Protein backbone atom coordinates (compact mmCIF):
# COMPACT_ATOMS: atom_id res chain seq x y z
CA MET A 1 8.80 45.85 -16.42
CA ALA A 2 5.80 44.44 -18.30
CA SER A 3 2.40 44.60 -16.84
CA LYS A 4 0.74 41.79 -15.29
CA LYS A 5 -2.51 43.09 -16.31
CA ILE A 6 -4.86 40.66 -18.68
CA GLU A 7 -7.27 42.43 -20.90
CA PHE A 8 -10.50 40.22 -21.22
CA SER A 9 -13.41 40.48 -23.53
CA LYS A 10 -16.24 38.00 -22.57
CA SER A 11 -17.22 38.03 -26.35
CA ASN A 12 -13.71 37.12 -27.70
CA ASN A 13 -12.16 35.30 -24.57
CA ARG A 14 -14.82 32.76 -24.11
CA PHE A 15 -13.74 29.76 -21.59
CA SER A 16 -14.56 26.44 -23.67
CA SER A 17 -12.91 23.57 -24.38
CA ASN A 18 -11.30 25.15 -27.62
CA CYS A 19 -9.14 27.71 -25.56
CA LEU A 20 -6.51 25.07 -24.49
CA SER A 21 -3.64 26.91 -26.43
CA GLN A 22 -4.39 30.46 -25.79
CA LEU A 23 -4.65 29.42 -21.74
CA ILE A 24 -1.03 27.97 -22.31
CA ALA A 25 0.14 31.08 -24.19
CA LEU A 26 -0.99 33.07 -21.18
CA ALA A 27 0.58 31.05 -18.59
CA ILE A 28 3.83 30.49 -19.95
CA PRO A 29 6.24 33.75 -20.05
CA SER A 30 7.53 34.17 -23.39
CA GLU A 31 11.12 34.44 -22.31
CA ARG A 32 10.82 30.74 -21.35
CA GLY A 33 10.70 29.50 -24.92
CA ILE A 34 8.10 26.90 -26.47
CA TYR A 35 5.94 24.81 -24.52
CA LYS A 36 5.03 21.63 -26.08
CA PRO A 37 2.77 19.02 -23.97
CA PRO A 38 3.97 15.35 -23.73
CA LEU A 39 2.34 13.48 -26.46
CA GLN A 40 -0.41 11.16 -24.97
CA LYS A 41 0.02 7.49 -25.17
CA GLU A 42 -1.95 4.76 -24.12
CA GLU A 43 -0.39 2.29 -21.44
CA GLU A 44 -1.47 -1.06 -20.32
CA LEU A 45 -1.53 -1.34 -16.47
CA VAL A 46 -0.92 -5.05 -15.06
CA SER A 47 -1.69 -5.53 -11.44
CA ASN A 48 0.08 -8.26 -9.40
CA LEU A 49 -2.28 -8.13 -6.74
CA LEU A 50 -4.25 -11.48 -6.08
CA GLN A 51 -7.76 -11.42 -5.71
CA VAL A 52 -8.84 -13.11 -2.19
CA HIS A 53 -11.59 -15.38 -2.43
CA SER A 54 -11.45 -16.76 1.35
CA TYR A 55 -9.50 -16.18 4.78
CA PRO A 56 -9.38 -17.68 8.28
CA LYS A 57 -12.09 -16.48 10.43
CA VAL A 58 -9.82 -16.14 13.38
CA LEU A 59 -6.93 -14.16 13.87
CA PHE A 60 -4.40 -14.86 17.07
CA VAL A 61 -2.10 -12.51 18.60
CA GLY A 62 0.41 -13.60 21.54
CA ASN A 63 3.83 -12.54 23.11
CA THR A 64 6.54 -14.62 22.13
CA ARG A 65 10.34 -15.27 23.02
CA PHE A 66 11.31 -14.69 19.04
CA ARG A 67 12.62 -11.43 17.82
CA THR A 68 13.02 -11.73 14.41
CA ARG A 69 11.70 -13.76 11.42
CA LYS A 70 15.34 -15.74 11.10
CA GLU A 71 15.10 -16.83 14.99
CA LEU A 72 11.42 -18.32 14.34
CA ASN A 73 12.04 -19.91 10.96
CA GLY A 74 15.41 -21.53 12.41
CA TRP A 75 13.30 -22.65 15.21
CA LEU A 76 10.41 -24.18 12.93
CA ASN A 77 13.19 -25.85 10.65
CA GLU A 78 14.94 -27.45 13.82
CA MET A 79 11.58 -28.90 14.94
CA LYS A 80 10.75 -30.13 11.15
CA ILE A 81 7.85 -28.01 10.84
CA HIS A 82 7.62 -27.30 7.13
CA GLY A 83 5.50 -24.93 5.09
CA ARG A 84 3.80 -22.93 8.04
CA ARG A 85 4.82 -19.50 7.57
CA GLU A 86 1.47 -17.60 7.68
CA TRP A 87 2.48 -15.38 10.68
CA ILE A 88 4.33 -11.69 11.44
CA LEU A 89 6.54 -10.81 14.41
CA LYS A 90 6.16 -7.31 15.72
CA ASN A 91 6.98 -5.78 18.81
CA GLU A 92 7.78 -9.25 20.72
CA ARG A 93 4.32 -10.30 19.26
CA ILE A 94 3.38 -13.12 16.83
CA ILE A 95 0.19 -12.69 14.64
CA SER A 96 -0.87 -15.57 12.92
CA PHE A 97 -3.99 -17.37 11.31
CA HIS A 98 -2.46 -20.72 13.14
CA ASN A 99 -4.10 -21.20 16.33
CA LEU A 100 -1.49 -20.25 18.96
CA THR A 101 -3.02 -22.64 21.95
CA GLU A 102 -2.26 -25.83 19.44
CA TYR A 103 1.17 -27.22 18.87
CA PRO A 104 3.69 -26.28 17.64
CA TRP A 105 2.56 -22.65 17.99
CA SER A 106 1.94 -23.11 22.19
CA GLU A 107 5.74 -23.71 22.18
CA ILE A 108 6.38 -20.50 20.27
CA SER A 109 3.90 -18.19 22.39
CA ASP A 110 3.19 -17.48 26.07
CA ARG A 111 -0.04 -18.61 26.45
CA GLY A 112 -1.21 -16.46 29.05
CA THR A 113 -1.08 -13.69 26.47
CA ILE A 114 -3.07 -15.10 23.62
CA GLU A 115 -6.06 -13.20 22.11
CA ASP A 116 -8.35 -14.08 19.35
CA PHE A 117 -10.21 -11.80 17.10
CA GLU A 118 -12.42 -11.98 14.11
CA SER A 119 -10.61 -11.50 10.96
CA ARG A 120 -13.64 -9.39 9.46
CA GLU A 121 -12.98 -6.88 12.55
CA LEU A 122 -9.79 -5.74 10.58
């Protein structure tokens, strides 16, 4: 079995930016074959995130009888309320920037459970 001892000479084995190939040679066992690192190439990163310029100052949270997005969307469509989908249903609660104390949201939420929070708190 080969020795795992490494001979090191301060004058011949300086740690510098020029020693990459020597370090690779030390790290890879000879029986593993030749190691060639992947070629470096430039890539362009394209983000699909949108910048937020402003947002409502108040967020409303309240209990609701609706359990799924499909149920609530169905009710909104039935009531002919279109284009108001800025809400989330979670754990039997509705979270929205719409004022849940005003129609039509007052029909969706339990008025006694409605709380409002300043959006900047989140």
